[in-house]
Protein backbone atom coordinates (compact mmCIF):
# COMPACT_ATOMS: atom_id res chain seq x y z
CA MET A 1 -7.51 1.23 -17.52
CA ALA A 2 -5.94 1.60 -14.05
CA THR A 3 -4.35 4.95 -13.25
CA THR A 4 -2.09 5.64 -10.29
CA HIS A 5 -0.01 8.54 -9.04
CA LEU A 6 3.60 7.92 -8.14
CA LYS A 7 4.37 9.90 -4.97
CA ALA A 8 7.58 11.17 -3.41
CA ILE A 9 8.48 9.07 -0.37
CA VAL A 10 10.79 11.74 1.10
CA THR A 11 11.22 15.50 1.05
CA GLY A 12 14.10 16.33 -1.25
CA MET A 13 14.93 17.08 -4.86
CA VAL A 14 14.31 15.30 -8.16
CA TRP A 15 17.84 14.20 -8.97
CA LYS A 16 17.26 12.27 -12.22
CA ILE A 17 14.27 11.31 -14.36
CA GLU A 18 14.77 7.83 -15.83
CA ARG A 19 11.55 7.48 -17.88
CA GLN A 20 9.72 10.07 -19.97
CA ALA A 21 6.00 10.51 -20.64
CA GLY A 22 4.82 7.93 -23.14
CA GLU A 23 7.47 5.35 -22.24
CA ARG A 24 6.54 1.84 -21.15
CA VAL A 25 7.72 0.60 -17.74
CA GLU A 26 7.72 -2.78 -16.06
CA ALA A 27 6.83 -3.33 -12.41
CA GLY A 28 9.84 -2.45 -10.28
CA GLU A 29 11.54 -0.27 -12.90
CA VAL A 30 12.85 3.08 -11.69
CA VAL A 31 10.86 6.05 -13.00
CA MET A 32 12.91 8.73 -11.24
CA ILE A 33 15.48 9.18 -8.50
CA LEU A 34 15.09 11.60 -5.63
CA GLU A 35 17.96 12.99 -3.57
CA SER A 36 17.61 13.76 0.11
CA MET A 37 20.46 14.38 2.56
CA LYS A 38 23.02 13.08 0.02
CA MET A 39 21.09 9.81 -0.43
CA GLU A 40 19.59 8.66 -3.72
CA ILE A 41 16.07 7.23 -3.39
CA PRO A 42 14.64 5.44 -6.46
CA LEU A 43 10.90 5.68 -7.15
CA GLU A 44 9.72 2.52 -8.88
CA ALA A 45 6.64 1.69 -10.93
CA GLN A 46 4.23 -0.44 -8.91
CA PHE A 47 2.94 -2.22 -12.03
CA ALA A 48 3.71 -2.56 -15.73
CA GLY A 49 2.24 0.24 -17.82
CA ILE A 50 2.96 3.58 -19.43
CA VAL A 51 4.19 6.83 -17.91
CA ARG A 52 1.29 9.09 -18.78
CA GLU A 53 2.62 12.33 -17.32
CA LEU A 54 5.55 13.67 -15.30
CA LEU A 55 4.47 16.29 -12.77
CA VAL A 56 7.99 17.44 -11.81
CA ALA A 57 11.29 18.25 -13.50
CA GLU A 58 14.90 17.44 -12.67
CA GLY A 59 16.22 19.79 -10.01
CA GLU A 60 12.75 20.54 -8.62
CA ALA A 61 12.14 20.35 -4.87
CA VAL A 62 9.46 17.89 -3.72
CA THR A 63 7.78 17.15 -0.41
CA GLU A 64 6.93 13.76 1.04
CA GLY A 65 3.63 12.52 -0.41
CA GLN A 66 3.70 14.91 -3.39
CA GLN A 67 2.47 13.41 -6.66
CA VAL A 68 5.37 13.28 -9.12
CA ALA A 69 4.10 11.14 -12.02
CA VAL A 70 0.96 9.51 -13.41
CA LEU A 71 1.10 5.87 -14.59
CA ILE A 72 -1.54 3.91 -16.50
CA ALA A 73 -1.84 0.17 -16.93
């Protein structure tokens, strides 16, 4: 089973979580949306699988490169 960590690509805030732990995602589906400088930045699943764990909550500040979710194939 392949495991990967979804990482924040900008410093900002978790604006909206689109998928919860245990939910299935397809490659390219948005897992969560970050907000930085009034811009919304979607974080997408790199492959089809399951969201194993969310490491952040809506409204939480994140830094670039921070792990925000764990996905398994």
